[in-house]
């Protein structure tokens, strides 16, 4: 059985995410998971990223549900006030999806 957030998994972004975030920002989320998180943290099935304005640039603050894990990742991308404050990335063992909090289904 593949581990959560495996690079070989099927990866998607919700329509809400696609409407509001540039594709480069979406791709950078997958890159952060692959390069900075996978293998360093035991990842849960739900990851949380806050999108922060860091002097005009976008910074991601990573955390996991039920855990204190916290890491900030600076990017070269400009920040937009239209960006959501928070996004979720879920893995249900069949697919991995980036989605907005309002799209979250419990």
PDB file of N, CA and C in Angstrom:
ATOM      1  N   UNK A   1       0.840  -1.185   0.000  1.00  0.00           N
ATOM      2  CA  UNK A   1       0.000   0.000   0.000  1.00  0.00           C
ATOM      3  C   UNK A   1       0.883   1.245   0.000  1.00  0.00           C
ATOM      4  N   UNK A   2       0.656   2.180  -0.938  1.00  0.00           N
ATOM      5  CA  UNK A   2       1.485   3.375  -0.994  1.00  0.00           C
ATOM      6  C   UNK A   2       1.244   4.264   0.231  1.00  0.00           C
ATOM      7  N   UNK A   3       2.287   5.009   0.604  1.00  0.00           N
ATOM      8  CA  UNK A   3       2.151   5.921   1.731  1.00  0.00           C
ATOM      9  C   UNK A   3       1.296   7.117   1.333  1.00  0.00           C
ATOM     10  N   UNK A   4       0.809   7.817   2.339  1.00  0.00           N
ATOM     11  CA  UNK A   4       0.022   9.012   2.066  1.00  0.00           C
ATOM     12  C   UNK A   4       0.865  10.037   1.325  1.00  0.00           C
ATOM     13  N   UNK A   5       0.249  10.712   0.389  1.00  0.00           N
ATOM     14  CA  UNK A   5       0.863  11.763  -0.413  1.00  0.00           C
ATOM     15  C   UNK A   5       2.058  11.282  -1.222  1.00  0.00           C
ATOM     16  N   UNK A   6       1.943  10.064  -1.745  1.00  0.00           N
ATOM     17  CA  UNK A   6       2.964   9.518  -2.627  1.00  0.00           C
ATOM     18  C   UNK A   6       2.977  10.310  -3.934  1.00  0.00           C
ATOM     19  N   UNK A   7       4.158  10.535  -4.480  1.00  0.00           N
ATOM     20  CA  UNK A   7       4.279  11.239  -5.768  1.00  0.00           C
ATOM     21  C   UNK A   7       3.528  10.538  -6.883  1.00  0.00           C
ATOM     22  N   UNK A   8       3.386   9.231  -6.767  1.00  0.00           N
ATOM     23  CA  UNK A   8       2.733   8.471  -7.838  1.00  0.00           C
ATOM     24  C   UNK A   8       1.213   8.484  -7.718  1.00  0.00           C
ATOM     25  N   UNK A   9       0.698   9.125  -6.669  1.00  0.00           N
ATOM     26  CA  UNK A   9      -0.753   9.178  -6.496  1.00  0.00           C
ATOM     27  C   UNK A   9      -1.419  10.128  -7.478  1.00  0.00           C
ATOM     28  N   UNK A  10      -2.720   9.957  -7.660  1.00  0.00           N
ATOM     29  CA  UNK A  10      -3.500  10.856  -8.501  1.00  0.00           C
ATOM     30  C   UNK A  10      -3.706  12.166  -7.759  1.00  0.00           C
ATOM     31  N   UNK A  11      -3.331  13.263  -8.406  1.00  0.00           N
ATOM     32  CA  UNK A  11      -3.374  14.576  -7.747  1.00  0.00           C
ATOM     33  C   UNK A  11      -4.297  15.525  -8.492  1.00  0.00           C
ATOM     34  N   UNK A  12      -5.098  16.242  -7.683  1.00  0.00           N
ATOM     35  CA  UNK A  12      -6.089  17.150  -8.240  1.00  0.00           C
ATOM     36  C   UNK A  12      -6.150  18.432  -7.418  1.00  0.00           C
ATOM     37  N   UNK A  13      -6.761  19.443  -7.993  1.00  0.00           N
ATOM     38  CA  UNK A  13      -7.133  20.662  -7.271  1.00  0.00           C
ATOM     39  C   UNK A  13      -8.610  20.869  -7.531  1.00  0.00           C
ATOM     40  N   UNK A  14      -9.329  21.305  -6.517  1.00  0.00           N
ATOM     41  CA  UNK A  14     -10.767  21.542  -6.663  1.00  0.00           C
ATOM     42  C   UNK A  14     -11.004  22.720  -7.602  1.00  0.00           C
ATOM     43  N   UNK A  15     -12.213  22.835  -8.085  1.00  0.00           N
ATOM     44  CA  UNK A  15     -12.545  23.948  -8.977  1.00  0.00           C
ATOM     45  C   UNK A  15     -12.381  25.283  -8.262  1.00  0.00           C
ATOM     46  N   UNK A  16     -12.692  25.330  -6.957  1.00  0.00           N
ATOM     47  CA  UNK A  16     -12.515  26.563  -6.195  1.00  0.00           C
ATOM     48  C   UNK A  16     -11.058  26.990  -6.120  1.00  0.00           C
ATOM     49  N   UNK A  17     -10.174  26.033  -5.939  1.00  0.00           N
ATOM     50  CA  UNK A  17      -8.738  26.318  -5.878  1.00  0.00           C
ATOM     51  C   UNK A  17      -8.247  26.769  -7.248  1.00  0.00           C
ATOM     52  N   UNK A  18      -8.675  26.086  -8.290  1.00  0.00           N
ATOM     53  CA  UNK A  18      -8.246  26.435  -9.654  1.00  0.00           C
ATOM     54  C   UNK A  18      -8.693  27.845 -10.023  1.00  0.00           C
ATOM     55  N   UNK A  19      -9.868  28.253  -9.544  1.00  0.00           N
ATOM     56  CA  UNK A  19     -10.386  29.590  -9.848  1.00  0.00           C
ATOM     57  C   UNK A  19      -9.590  30.690  -9.159  1.00  0.00           C
ATOM     58  N   UNK A  20      -9.017  30.412  -7.991  1.00  0.00           N
ATOM     59  CA  UNK A  20      -8.427  31.488  -7.194  1.00  0.00           C
ATOM     60  C   UNK A  20      -6.902  31.490  -7.147  1.00  0.00           C
ATOM     61  N   UNK A  21      -6.266  30.329  -7.350  1.00  0.00           N
ATOM     62  CA  UNK A  21      -4.804  30.257  -7.269  1.00  0.00           C
ATOM     63  C   UNK A  21      -4.189  29.995  -8.636  1.00  0.00           C
ATOM     64  N   UNK A  22      -3.109  30.703  -8.970  1.00  0.00           N
ATOM     65  CA  UNK A  22      -2.406  30.420 -10.232  1.00  0.00           C
ATOM     66  C   UNK A  22      -1.850  28.995 -10.227  1.00  0.00           C
ATOM     67  N   UNK A  23      -1.731  28.425 -11.409  1.00  0.00           N
ATOM     68  CA  UNK A  23      -1.243  27.039 -11.515  1.00  0.00           C
ATOM     69  C   UNK A  23       0.146  26.873 -10.902  1.00  0.00           C
ATOM     70  N   UNK A  24       0.989  27.907 -10.983  1.00  0.00           N
ATOM     71  CA  UNK A  24       2.325  27.816 -10.412  1.00  0.00           C
ATOM     72  C   UNK A  24       2.272  27.667  -8.888  1.00  0.00           C
ATOM     73  N   UNK A  25       1.305  28.331  -8.268  1.00  0.00           N
ATOM     74  CA  UNK A  25       1.150  28.228  -6.814  1.00  0.00           C
ATOM     75  C   UNK A  25       0.633  26.834  -6.448  1.00  0.00           C
ATOM     76  N   UNK A  26      -0.316  26.338  -7.228  1.00  0.00           N
ATOM     77  CA  UNK A  26      -0.833  24.975  -7.004  1.00  0.00           C
ATOM     78  C   UNK A  26       0.301  23.960  -7.148  1.00  0.00           C
ATOM     79  N   UNK A  27       1.084  24.091  -8.205  1.00  0.00           N
ATOM     80  CA  UNK A  27       2.217  23.175  -8.412  1.00  0.00           C
ATOM     81  C   UNK A  27       3.221  23.268  -7.262  1.00  0.00           C
ATOM     82  N   UNK A  28       3.409  24.473  -6.723  1.00  0.00           N
ATOM     83  CA  UNK A  28       4.376  24.622  -5.635  1.00  0.00           C
ATOM     84  C   UNK A  28       3.915  23.896  -4.372  1.00  0.00           C
ATOM     85  N   UNK A  29       2.611  23.779  -4.155  1.00  0.00           N
ATOM     86  CA  UNK A  29       2.100  23.031  -3.006  1.00  0.00           C
ATOM     87  C   UNK A  29       2.502  21.566  -3.122  1.00  0.00           C
ATOM     88  N   UNK A  30       2.322  20.981  -4.305  1.00  0.00           N
ATOM     89  CA  UNK A  30       2.735  19.583  -4.508  1.00  0.00           C
ATOM     90  C   UNK A  30       4.247  19.445  -4.339  1.00  0.00           C
ATOM     91  N   UNK A  31       5.003  20.432  -4.839  1.00  0.00           N
ATOM     92  CA  UNK A  31       6.461  20.389  -4.701  1.00  0.00           C
ATOM     93  C   UNK A  31       6.864  20.432  -3.230  1.00  0.00           C
ATOM     94  N   UNK A  32       6.228  21.291  -2.441  1.00  0.00           N
ATOM     95  CA  UNK A  32       6.526  21.390  -1.001  1.00  0.00           C
ATOM     96  C   UNK A  32       6.259  20.051  -0.323  1.00  0.00           C
ATOM     97  N   UNK A  33       5.140  19.427  -0.660  1.00  0.00           N
ATOM     98  CA  UNK A  33       4.817  18.119  -0.067  1.00  0.00           C
ATOM     99  C   UNK A  33       5.904  17.106  -0.416  1.00  0.00           C
ATOM    100  N   UNK A  34       6.300  17.072  -1.688  1.00  0.00           N
ATOM    101  CA  UNK A  34       7.299  16.092  -2.137  1.00  0.00           C
ATOM    102  C   UNK A  34       8.703  16.376  -1.604  1.00  0.00           C
ATOM    103  N   UNK A  35       9.124  17.637  -1.638  1.00  0.00           N
ATOM    104  CA  UNK A  35      10.517  17.976  -1.336  1.00  0.00           C
ATOM    105  C   UNK A  35      10.768  18.327   0.132  1.00  0.00           C
ATOM    106  N   UNK A  36       9.775  18.914   0.788  1.00  0.00           N
ATOM    107  CA  UNK A  36      10.009  19.433   2.134  1.00  0.00           C
ATOM    108  C   UNK A  36       9.297  18.652   3.238  1.00  0.00           C
ATOM    109  N   UNK A  37       8.242  17.934   2.898  1.00  0.00           N
ATOM    110  CA  UNK A  37       7.464  17.259   3.934  1.00  0.00           C
ATOM    111  C   UNK A  37       7.606  15.742   3.897  1.00  0.00           C
ATOM    112  N   UNK A  38       7.439  15.160   2.703  1.00  0.00           N
ATOM    113  CA  UNK A  38       7.495  13.699   2.559  1.00  0.00           C
ATOM    114  C   UNK A  38       8.874  13.193   2.996  1.00  0.00           C
ATOM    115  N   UNK A  39       8.892  12.242   3.883  1.00  0.00           N
ATOM    116  CA  UNK A  39      10.140  11.688   4.374  1.00  0.00           C
ATOM    117  C   UNK A  39      10.691  12.391   5.605  1.00  0.00           C
ATOM    118  N   UNK A  40      10.209  13.601   5.884  1.00  0.00           N
ATOM    119  CA  UNK A  40      10.637  14.340   7.065  1.00  0.00           C
ATOM    120  C   UNK A  40       9.588  14.316   8.164  1.00  0.00           C
ATOM    121  N   UNK A  41       8.324  14.194   7.761  1.00  0.00           N
ATOM    122  CA  UNK A  41       7.216  14.157   8.704  1.00  0.00           C
ATOM    123  C   UNK A  41       6.360  12.928   8.416  1.00  0.00           C
ATOM    124  N   UNK A  42       5.751  12.384   9.438  1.00  0.00           N
ATOM    125  CA  UNK A  42       4.750  11.354   9.232  1.00  0.00           C
ATOM    126  C   UNK A  42       3.447  12.090   8.910  1.00  0.00           C
ATOM    127  N   UNK A  43       3.098  12.087   7.635  1.00  0.00           N
ATOM    128  CA  UNK A  43       1.976  12.904   7.180  1.00  0.00           C
ATOM    129  C   UNK A  43       0.637  12.245   7.465  1.00  0.00           C
ATOM    130  N   UNK A  44      -0.295  13.059   7.958  1.00  0.00           N
ATOM    131  CA  UNK A  44      -1.674  12.622   8.151  1.00  0.00           C
ATOM    132  C   UNK A  44      -2.411  12.698   6.824  1.00  0.00           C
ATOM    133  N   UNK A  45      -3.661  12.285   6.812  1.00  0.00           N
ATOM    134  CA  UNK A  45      -4.447  12.321   5.583  1.00  0.00           C
ATOM    135  C   UNK A  45      -4.993  13.708   5.262  1.00  0.00           C
ATOM    136  N   UNK A  46      -4.805  14.672   6.172  1.00  0.00           N
ATOM    137  CA  UNK A  46      -5.256  16.038   5.923  1.00  0.00           C
ATOM    138  C   UNK A  46      -4.162  17.017   6.343  1.00  0.00           C
ATOM    139  N   UNK A  47      -3.655  17.759   5.362  1.00  0.00           N
ATOM    140  CA  UNK A  47      -2.642  18.780   5.603  1.00  0.00           C
ATOM    141  C   UNK A  47      -3.297  20.149   5.505  1.00  0.00           C
ATOM    142  N   UNK A  48      -2.772  21.094   6.248  1.00  0.00           N
ATOM    143  CA  UNK A  48      -3.309  22.453   6.250  1.00  0.00           C
ATOM    144  C   UNK A  48      -2.184  23.407   5.866  1.00  0.00           C
ATOM    145  N   UNK A  49      -2.484  24.305   4.937  1.00  0.00           N
ATOM    146  CA  UNK A  49      -1.550  25.348   4.556  1.00  0.00           C
ATOM    147  C   UNK A  49      -2.246  26.695   4.691  1.00  0.00           C
ATOM    148  N   UNK A  50      -1.673  27.575   5.512  1.00  0.00           N
ATOM    149  CA  UNK A  50      -2.131  28.951   5.557  1.00  0.00           C
ATOM    150  C   UNK A  50      -1.321  29.721   4.528  1.00  0.00           C
ATOM    151  N   UNK A  51      -1.963  30.650   3.845  1.00  0.00           N
ATOM    152  CA  UNK A  51      -1.298  31.478   2.845  1.00  0.00           C
ATOM    153  C   UNK A  51      -1.096  32.860   3.458  1.00  0.00           C
ATOM    154  N   UNK A  52       0.152  33.241   3.640  1.00  0.00           N
ATOM    155  CA  UNK A  52       0.503  34.423   4.411  1.00  0.00           C
ATOM    156  C   UNK A  52       1.201  35.456   3.534  1.00  0.00           C
ATOM    157  N   UNK A  53       0.857  36.720   3.780  1.00  0.00           N
ATOM    158  CA  UNK A  53       1.529  37.827   3.117  1.00  0.00           C
ATOM    159  C   UNK A  53       2.814  38.127   3.881  1.00  0.00           C
ATOM    160  N   UNK A  54       3.939  37.836   3.258  1.00  0.00           N
ATOM    161  CA  UNK A  54       5.249  38.041   3.864  1.00  0.00           C
ATOM    162  C   UNK A  54       5.970  39.141   3.085  1.00  0.00           C
ATOM    163  N   UNK A  55       5.673  40.381   3.432  1.00  0.00           N
ATOM    164  CA  UNK A  55       6.263  41.540   2.753  1.00  0.00           C
ATOM    165  C   UNK A  55       6.032  41.486   1.242  1.00  0.00           C
ATOM    166  N   UNK A  56       4.808  41.136   0.855  1.00  0.00           N
ATOM    167  CA  UNK A  56       4.441  41.118  -0.557  1.00  0.00           C
ATOM    168  C   UNK A  56       4.649  39.789  -1.248  1.00  0.00           C
ATOM    169  N   UNK A  57       5.321  38.861  -0.590  1.00  0.00           N
ATOM    170  CA  UNK A  57       5.519  37.529  -1.157  1.00  0.00           C
ATOM    171  C   UNK A  57       4.669  36.504  -0.408  1.00  0.00           C
ATOM    172  N   UNK A  58       4.385  35.410  -1.079  1.00  0.00           N
ATOM    173  CA  UNK A  58       3.569  34.353  -0.509  1.00  0.00           C
ATOM    174  C   UNK A  58       4.416  33.413   0.340  1.00  0.00           C
ATOM    175  N   UNK A  59       3.978  33.185   1.569  1.00  0.00           N
ATOM    176  CA  UNK A  59       4.573  32.192   2.452  1.00  0.00           C
ATOM    177  C   UNK A  59       3.494  31.192   2.823  1.00  0.00           C
ATOM    178  N   UNK A  60       3.849  29.906   2.792  1.00  0.00           N
ATOM    179  CA  UNK A  60       2.937  28.853   3.230  1.00  0.00           C
ATOM    180  C   UNK A  60       3.304  28.465   4.657  1.00  0.00           C
ATOM    181  N   UNK A  61       2.303  28.359   5.522  1.00  0.00           N
ATOM    182  CA  UNK A  61       2.510  27.826   6.872  1.00  0.00           C
ATOM    183  C   UNK A  61       1.830  26.468   6.920  1.00  0.00           C
ATOM    184  N   UNK A  62       2.637  25.425   7.081  1.00  0.00           N
ATOM    185  CA  UNK A  62       2.146  24.047   7.070  1.00  0.00           C
ATOM    186  C   UNK A  62       1.823  23.573   8.479  1.00  0.00           C
ATOM    187  N   UNK A  63       0.702  22.866   8.605  1.00  0.00           N
ATOM    188  CA  UNK A  63       0.378  22.162   9.841  1.00  0.00           C
ATOM    189  C   UNK A  63      -0.484  20.953   9.485  1.00  0.00           C
ATOM    190  N   UNK A  64      -0.700  20.101  10.464  1.00  0.00           N
ATOM    191  CA  UNK A  64      -1.528  18.914  10.270  1.00  0.00           C
ATOM    192  C   UNK A  64      -2.631  18.908  11.313  1.00  0.00           C
ATOM    193  N   UNK A  65      -3.744  18.305  10.966  1.00  0.00           N
ATOM    194  CA  UNK A  65      -4.807  18.178  11.950  1.00  0.00           C
ATOM    195  C   UNK A  65      -4.297  17.367  13.131  1.00  0.00           C
ATOM    196  N   UNK A  66      -4.703  17.727  14.297  1.00  0.00           N
ATOM    197  CA  UNK A  66      -4.376  17.006  15.538  1.00  0.00           C
ATOM    198  C   UNK A  66      -2.884  16.997  15.873  1.00  0.00           C
ATOM    199  N   UNK A  67      -2.095  17.846  15.259  1.00  0.00           N
ATOM    200  CA  UNK A  67      -0.658  17.858  15.538  1.00  0.00           C
ATOM    201  C   UNK A  67      -0.168  19.294  15.676  1.00  0.00           C
ATOM    202  N   UNK A  68       0.933  19.459  16.348  1.00  0.00           N
ATOM    203  CA  UNK A  68       1.515  20.782  16.534  1.00  0.00           C
ATOM    204  C   UNK A  68       2.522  21.102  15.422  1.00  0.00           C
ATOM    205  N   UNK A  69       2.748  20.175  14.527  1.00  0.00           N
ATOM    206  CA  UNK A  69       3.712  20.365  13.446  1.00  0.00           C
ATOM    207  C   UNK A  69       3.467  21.715  12.771  1.00  0.00           C
ATOM    208  N   UNK A  70       4.513  22.491  12.625  1.00  0.00           N
ATOM    209  CA  UNK A  70       4.380  23.793  12.006  1.00  0.00           C
ATOM    210  C   UNK A  70       5.681  24.127  11.289  1.00  0.00           C
ATOM    211  N   UNK A  71       5.545  24.568  10.053  1.00  0.00           N
ATOM    212  CA  UNK A  71       6.708  24.943   9.271  1.00  0.00           C
ATOM    213  C   UNK A  71       6.279  26.018   8.295  1.00  0.00           C
ATOM    214  N   UNK A  72       7.101  27.023   8.101  1.00  0.00           N
ATOM    215  CA  UNK A  72       6.812  28.061   7.122  1.00  0.00           C
ATOM    216  C   UNK A  72       7.760  27.913   5.945  1.00  0.00           C
ATOM    217  N   UNK A  73       7.187  28.046   4.746  1.00  0.00           N
ATOM    218  CA  UNK A  73       7.960  27.919   3.517  1.00  0.00           C
ATOM    219  C   UNK A  73       7.753  29.194   2.711  1.00  0.00           C
ATOM    220  N   UNK A  74       8.819  29.950   2.513  1.00  0.00           N
ATOM    221  CA  UNK A  74       8.753  31.169   1.711  1.00  0.00           C
ATOM    222  C   UNK A  74       8.789  30.799   0.234  1.00  0.00           C
ATOM    223  N   UNK A  75       8.098  31.590  -0.582  1.00  0.00           N
ATOM    224  CA  UNK A  75       8.119  31.363  -2.025  1.00  0.00           C
ATOM    225  C   UNK A  75       8.530  32.643  -2.742  1.00  0.00           C
ATOM    226  N   UNK A  76       8.771  32.514  -4.014  1.00  0.00           N
ATOM    227  CA  UNK A  76       9.105  33.661  -4.856  1.00  0.00           C
ATOM    228  C   UNK A  76       7.855  34.311  -5.434  1.00  0.00           C
ATOM    229  N   UNK A  77       6.695  33.720  -5.156  1.00  0.00           N
ATOM    230  CA  UNK A  77       5.446  34.213  -5.727  1.00  0.00           C
ATOM    231  C   UNK A  77       4.937  35.427  -4.967  1.00  0.00           C
ATOM    232  N   UNK A  78       4.372  36.362  -5.716  1.00  0.00           N
ATOM    233  CA  UNK A  78       3.746  37.510  -5.081  1.00  0.00           C
ATOM    234  C   UNK A  78       2.472  37.085  -4.361  1.00  0.00           C
ATOM    235  N   UNK A  79       2.170  37.775  -3.281  1.00  0.00           N
ATOM    236  CA  UNK A  79       0.947  37.500  -2.518  1.00  0.00           C
ATOM    237  C   UNK A  79      -0.197  38.320  -3.097  1.00  0.00           C
ATOM    238  N   UNK A  80      -1.388  37.747  -3.108  1.00  0.00           N
ATOM    239  CA  UNK A  80      -2.586  38.463  -3.541  1.00  0.00           C
ATOM    240  C   UNK A  80      -3.603  38.447  -2.407  1.00  0.00           C
ATOM    241  N   UNK A  81      -4.220  39.582  -2.121  1.00  0.00           N
ATOM    242  CA  UNK A  81      -5.258  39.608  -1.091  1.00  0.00           C
ATOM    243  C   UNK A  81      -6.479  38.767  -1.472  1.00  0.00           C
ATOM    244  N   UNK A  82      -6.548  38.334  -2.712  1.00  0.00           N
ATOM    245  CA  UNK A  82      -7.642  37.467  -3.153  1.00  0.00           C
ATOM    246  C   UNK A  82      -7.409  36.005  -2.783  1.00  0.00           C
ATOM    247  N   UNK A  83      -6.186  35.676  -2.388  1.00  0.00           N
ATOM    248  CA  UNK A  83      -5.892  34.299  -1.997  1.00  0.00           C
ATOM    249  C   UNK A  83      -6.661  33.940  -0.728  1.00  0.00           C
ATOM    250  N   UNK A  84      -7.069  32.693  -0.610  1.00  0.00           N
ATOM    251  CA  UNK A  84      -7.724  32.277   0.636  1.00  0.00           C
ATOM    252  C   UNK A  84      -6.702  32.270   1.775  1.00  0.00           C
ATOM    253  N   UNK A  85      -7.180  32.442   2.994  1.00  0.00           N
ATOM    254  CA  UNK A  85      -6.293  32.409   4.156  1.00  0.00           C
ATOM    255  C   UNK A  85      -5.739  31.007   4.372  1.00  0.00           C
ATOM    256  N   UNK A  86      -6.539  29.989   4.007  1.00  0.00           N
ATOM    257  CA  UNK A  86      -6.167  28.615   4.315  1.00  0.00           C
ATOM    258  C   UNK A  86      -6.638  27.695   3.198  1.00  0.00           C
ATOM    259  N   UNK A  87      -5.849  26.657   2.941  1.00  0.00           N
ATOM    260  CA  UNK A  87      -6.266  25.575   2.034  1.00  0.00           C
ATOM    261  C   UNK A  87      -5.970  24.249   2.726  1.00  0.00           C
ATOM    262  N   UNK A  88      -6.675  23.221   2.281  1.00  0.00           N
ATOM    263  CA  UNK A  88      -6.461  21.872   2.777  1.00  0.00           C
ATOM    264  C   UNK A  88      -5.944  21.012   1.633  1.00  0.00           C
ATOM    265  N   UNK A  89      -5.152  20.007   1.980  1.00  0.00           N
ATOM    266  CA  UNK A  89      -4.732  18.992   1.017  1.00  0.00           C
ATOM    267  C   UNK A  89      -5.040  17.645   1.663  1.00  0.00           C
ATOM    268  N   UNK A  90      -5.906  16.888   1.001  1.00  0.00           N
ATOM    269  CA  UNK A  90      -6.328  15.614   1.554  1.00  0.00           C
ATOM    270  C   UNK A  90      -5.886  14.444   0.692  1.00  0.00           C
ATOM    271  N   UNK A  91      -5.701  13.309   1.339  1.00  0.00           N
ATOM    272  CA  UNK A  91      -5.365  12.064   0.651  1.00  0.00           C
ATOM    273  C   UNK A  91      -6.292  10.983   1.195  1.00  0.00           C
ATOM    274  N   UNK A  92      -7.172  10.479   0.321  1.00  0.00           N
ATOM    275  CA  UNK A  92      -8.118   9.440   0.751  1.00  0.00           C
ATOM    276  C   UNK A  92      -7.695   8.059   0.265  1.00  0.00           C
ATOM    277  N   UNK A  93      -6.425   7.895  -0.064  1.00  0.00           N
ATOM    278  CA  UNK A  93      -5.815   6.657  -0.562  1.00  0.00           C
ATOM    279  C   UNK A  93      -6.133   6.383  -2.029  1.00  0.00           C
ATOM    280  N   UNK A  94      -7.099   7.092  -2.603  1.00  0.00           N
ATOM    281  CA  UNK A  94      -7.402   6.960  -4.033  1.00  0.00           C
ATOM    282  C   UNK A  94      -6.946   8.179  -4.817  1.00  0.00           C
ATOM    283  N   UNK A  95      -7.036   9.327  -4.165  1.00  0.00           N
ATOM    284  CA  UNK A  95      -6.634  10.569  -4.825  1.00  0.00           C
ATOM    285  C   UNK A  95      -6.187  11.583  -3.783  1.00  0.00           C
ATOM    286  N   UNK A  96      -5.386  12.526  -4.242  1.00  0.00           N
ATOM    287  CA  UNK A  96      -4.917  13.628  -3.411  1.00  0.00           C
ATOM    288  C   UNK A  96      -5.516  14.903  -3.985  1.00  0.00           C
ATOM    289  N   UNK A  97      -6.107  15.720  -3.114  1.00  0.00           N
ATOM    290  CA  UNK A  97      -6.831  16.891  -3.604  1.00  0.00           C
ATOM    291  C   UNK A  97      -6.519  18.112  -2.751  1.00  0.00           C
ATOM    292  N   UNK A  98      -6.275  19.229  -3.425  1.00  0.00           N
ATOM    293  CA  UNK A  98      -6.159  20.528  -2.769  1.00  0.00           C
ATOM    294  C   UNK A  98      -7.540  21.165  -2.829  1.00  0.00           C
ATOM    295  N   UNK A  99      -8.034  21.652  -1.689  1.00  0.00           N
ATOM    296  CA  UNK A  99      -9.373  22.250  -1.691  1.00  0.00           C
ATOM    297  C   UNK A  99      -9.473  23.363  -0.659  1.00  0.00           C
ATOM    298  N   UNK A 100     -10.499  24.177  -0.823  1.00  0.00           N
ATOM    299  CA  UNK A 100     -10.753  25.306   0.064  1.00  0.00           C
ATOM    300  C   UNK A 100     -11.518  24.826   1.297  1.00  0.00           C
ATOM    301  N   UNK A 101     -11.395  25.551   2.405  1.00  0.00           N
ATOM    302  CA  UNK A 101     -12.144  25.159   3.600  1.00  0.00           C
ATOM    303  C   UNK A 101     -13.650  25.038   3.359  1.00  0.00           C
ATOM    304  N   UNK A 102     -14.213  25.916   2.545  1.00  0.00           N
ATOM    305  CA  UNK A 102     -15.660  25.837   2.288  1.00  0.00           C
ATOM    306  C   UNK A 102     -16.052  24.609   1.463  1.00  0.00           C
ATOM    307  N   UNK A 103     -15.058  23.957   0.856  1.00  0.00           N
ATOM    308  CA  UNK A 103     -15.317  22.730   0.089  1.00  0.00           C
ATOM    309  C   UNK A 103     -15.091  21.476   0.926  1.00  0.00           C
ATOM    310  N   UNK A 104     -14.683  21.656   2.173  1.00  0.00           N
ATOM    311  CA  UNK A 104     -14.383  20.529   3.057  1.00  0.00           C
ATOM    312  C   UNK A 104     -15.655  19.805   3.453  1.00  0.00           C
ATOM    313  N   UNK A 105     -15.641  18.493   3.272  1.00  0.00           N
ATOM    314  CA  UNK A 105     -16.778  17.662   3.658  1.00  0.00           C
ATOM    315  C   UNK A 105     -16.303  16.692   4.714  1.00  0.00           C
ATOM    316  N   UNK A 106     -16.971  16.682   5.857  1.00  0.00           N
ATOM    317  CA  UNK A 106     -16.575  15.781   6.940  1.00  0.00           C
ATOM    318  C   UNK A 106     -17.219  14.437   6.781  1.00  0.00           C
TER     319      UNK A 106
END
